[in-house]
N, C-alpha and C. Protein backbone atom coordinates (compact mmCIF):
# COMPACT_ATOMS: atom_id res chain seq x y z
N MET A 1 -7.04 30.71 -2.01
CA MET A 1 -7.15 29.67 -0.99
C MET A 1 -7.71 28.38 -1.58
N LEU A 2 -8.66 28.48 -2.46
CA LEU A 2 -9.26 27.31 -3.08
C LEU A 2 -8.22 26.54 -3.89
N ILE A 3 -7.32 27.26 -4.56
CA ILE A 3 -6.28 26.62 -5.36
C ILE A 3 -5.36 25.80 -4.47
N ILE A 4 -4.98 26.33 -3.32
CA ILE A 4 -4.11 25.61 -2.39
C ILE A 4 -4.80 24.34 -1.92
N SER A 5 -6.07 24.45 -1.58
CA SER A 5 -6.82 23.29 -1.11
C SER A 5 -6.91 22.24 -2.21
N THR A 6 -7.17 22.66 -3.42
CA THR A 6 -7.28 21.73 -4.54
C THR A 6 -5.93 21.08 -4.82
N THR A 7 -4.85 21.86 -4.79
CA THR A 7 -3.52 21.32 -5.00
C THR A 7 -3.18 20.30 -3.93
N SER A 8 -3.53 20.59 -2.69
CA SER A 8 -3.29 19.66 -1.60
C SER A 8 -4.05 18.35 -1.81
N SER A 9 -5.29 18.47 -2.23
CA SER A 9 -6.11 17.29 -2.50
C SER A 9 -5.53 16.47 -3.64
N ILE A 10 -5.09 17.13 -4.68
CA ILE A 10 -4.50 16.43 -5.83
C ILE A 10 -3.21 15.73 -5.42
N ASN A 11 -2.39 16.39 -4.61
CA ASN A 11 -1.15 15.76 -4.14
C ASN A 11 -1.44 14.53 -3.29
N LEU A 12 -2.46 14.61 -2.47
CA LEU A 12 -2.85 13.46 -1.65
C LEU A 12 -3.33 12.31 -2.52
N GLN A 13 -4.10 12.62 -3.53
CA GLN A 13 -4.58 11.58 -4.45
C GLN A 13 -3.41 10.94 -5.20
N ALA A 14 -2.45 11.75 -5.62
CA ALA A 14 -1.28 11.23 -6.33
C ALA A 14 -0.49 10.28 -5.43
N LYS A 15 -0.35 10.64 -4.16
CA LYS A 15 0.36 9.78 -3.21
C LYS A 15 -0.37 8.45 -3.04
N LEU A 16 -1.69 8.50 -2.99
CA LEU A 16 -2.49 7.29 -2.87
C LEU A 16 -2.28 6.37 -4.07
N PHE A 17 -2.35 6.94 -5.26
CA PHE A 17 -2.20 6.12 -6.46
C PHE A 17 -0.78 5.60 -6.64
N ARG A 18 0.23 6.36 -6.19
CA ARG A 18 1.60 5.84 -6.21
C ARG A 18 1.71 4.62 -5.31
N GLY A 19 0.99 4.64 -4.20
CA GLY A 19 0.99 3.50 -3.29
C GLY A 19 0.41 2.25 -3.92
N PHE A 20 -0.57 2.44 -4.78
CA PHE A 20 -1.22 1.30 -5.45
C PHE A 20 -0.48 0.88 -6.72
N ALA A 21 0.51 1.64 -7.15
CA ALA A 21 1.16 1.40 -8.44
C ALA A 21 2.20 0.28 -8.40
N ASP A 22 2.48 -0.26 -7.26
CA ASP A 22 3.50 -1.31 -7.14
C ASP A 22 2.85 -2.68 -7.12
N PRO A 23 3.31 -3.60 -7.98
CA PRO A 23 2.71 -4.95 -8.02
C PRO A 23 2.78 -5.69 -6.68
N SER A 24 3.85 -5.48 -5.92
CA SER A 24 3.96 -6.14 -4.62
C SER A 24 2.89 -5.65 -3.67
N ARG A 25 2.65 -4.34 -3.67
CA ARG A 25 1.62 -3.78 -2.80
C ARG A 25 0.24 -4.26 -3.22
N LEU A 26 0.02 -4.37 -4.51
CA LEU A 26 -1.27 -4.87 -4.98
C LEU A 26 -1.49 -6.32 -4.57
N SER A 27 -0.42 -7.13 -4.60
CA SER A 27 -0.58 -8.52 -4.17
C SER A 27 -0.85 -8.60 -2.67
N ILE A 28 -0.26 -7.71 -1.89
CA ILE A 28 -0.53 -7.66 -0.45
C ILE A 28 -1.98 -7.26 -0.22
N LEU A 29 -2.44 -6.23 -0.94
CA LEU A 29 -3.83 -5.79 -0.79
C LEU A 29 -4.81 -6.89 -1.19
N GLU A 30 -4.48 -7.61 -2.23
CA GLU A 30 -5.34 -8.71 -2.68
C GLU A 30 -5.43 -9.79 -1.60
N ALA A 31 -4.30 -10.11 -0.97
CA ALA A 31 -4.30 -11.10 0.10
C ALA A 31 -5.12 -10.61 1.29
N LEU A 32 -4.99 -9.33 1.61
CA LEU A 32 -5.73 -8.77 2.75
C LEU A 32 -7.22 -8.64 2.45
N ARG A 33 -7.55 -8.55 1.18
CA ARG A 33 -8.96 -8.51 0.79
C ARG A 33 -9.67 -9.82 1.13
N GLU A 34 -8.93 -10.90 1.01
CA GLU A 34 -9.47 -12.23 1.30
C GLU A 34 -9.78 -12.39 2.79
N SER A 35 -8.81 -12.01 3.62
CA SER A 35 -8.98 -12.13 5.07
C SER A 35 -7.85 -11.38 5.78
N GLU A 36 -8.03 -11.21 7.07
CA GLU A 36 -6.99 -10.59 7.89
C GLU A 36 -5.78 -11.52 7.90
N CYS A 37 -4.58 -10.94 7.78
CA CYS A 37 -3.36 -11.75 7.72
C CYS A 37 -2.27 -11.15 8.60
N THR A 38 -1.40 -12.01 9.06
CA THR A 38 -0.19 -11.54 9.73
C THR A 38 0.87 -11.30 8.66
N VAL A 39 1.96 -10.68 9.06
CA VAL A 39 3.07 -10.48 8.12
C VAL A 39 3.58 -11.83 7.63
N SER A 40 3.66 -12.80 8.52
CA SER A 40 4.11 -14.15 8.11
C SER A 40 3.18 -14.75 7.07
N ASP A 41 1.88 -14.57 7.25
CA ASP A 41 0.91 -15.05 6.26
C ASP A 41 1.14 -14.38 4.91
N LEU A 42 1.38 -13.07 4.95
CA LEU A 42 1.60 -12.34 3.70
C LEU A 42 2.89 -12.76 3.02
N VAL A 43 3.92 -13.08 3.80
CA VAL A 43 5.18 -13.58 3.23
C VAL A 43 4.91 -14.87 2.47
N GLN A 44 4.16 -15.78 3.09
CA GLN A 44 3.85 -17.06 2.43
C GLN A 44 2.98 -16.85 1.20
N THR A 45 1.99 -16.00 1.31
CA THR A 45 1.04 -15.80 0.21
C THR A 45 1.68 -15.10 -0.98
N THR A 46 2.49 -14.09 -0.72
CA THR A 46 3.03 -13.27 -1.81
C THR A 46 4.39 -13.74 -2.31
N GLY A 47 5.13 -14.49 -1.47
CA GLY A 47 6.47 -14.90 -1.85
C GLY A 47 7.51 -13.81 -1.64
N LEU A 48 7.12 -12.72 -1.02
CA LEU A 48 8.05 -11.63 -0.72
C LEU A 48 8.78 -11.93 0.59
N THR A 49 9.88 -11.24 0.82
CA THR A 49 10.59 -11.42 2.09
C THR A 49 9.86 -10.64 3.19
N GLN A 50 10.14 -11.00 4.43
CA GLN A 50 9.49 -10.34 5.57
C GLN A 50 9.81 -8.85 5.61
N PRO A 51 11.07 -8.44 5.44
CA PRO A 51 11.35 -7.00 5.46
C PRO A 51 10.65 -6.26 4.32
N ASN A 52 10.56 -6.91 3.17
CA ASN A 52 9.90 -6.30 2.02
C ASN A 52 8.41 -6.11 2.31
N VAL A 53 7.76 -7.12 2.84
CA VAL A 53 6.34 -7.01 3.19
C VAL A 53 6.14 -5.91 4.22
N SER A 54 6.98 -5.87 5.23
CA SER A 54 6.86 -4.85 6.27
C SER A 54 7.01 -3.44 5.69
N ASN A 55 7.97 -3.27 4.79
CA ASN A 55 8.17 -1.96 4.17
C ASN A 55 6.97 -1.56 3.32
N HIS A 56 6.43 -2.50 2.57
CA HIS A 56 5.25 -2.21 1.73
C HIS A 56 4.03 -1.88 2.60
N LEU A 57 3.88 -2.60 3.71
CA LEU A 57 2.76 -2.30 4.61
C LEU A 57 2.90 -0.91 5.21
N ALA A 58 4.12 -0.53 5.54
CA ALA A 58 4.35 0.82 6.07
C ALA A 58 4.00 1.88 5.03
N CYS A 59 4.37 1.62 3.79
CA CYS A 59 4.04 2.55 2.71
C CYS A 59 2.52 2.67 2.55
N LEU A 60 1.84 1.54 2.57
CA LEU A 60 0.38 1.56 2.43
C LEU A 60 -0.28 2.26 3.62
N ARG A 61 0.28 2.08 4.80
CA ARG A 61 -0.27 2.74 5.99
C ARG A 61 -0.17 4.24 5.86
N ASP A 62 0.98 4.71 5.36
CA ASP A 62 1.19 6.16 5.20
C ASP A 62 0.23 6.72 4.17
């Protein structure tokens, strides 16, 4: 049982780090670190398209 729990924890950590591994997501996180932003604000700040920002935010939320 302990092995299953540890494997689950490791898989969760891997998913978290995959989320941080994308430069676009890191730029979004950096912008959000400064202050609360709307998707439109993030589009202007990062230079990404609105659908791209929305998709990255959904990935980060998950």
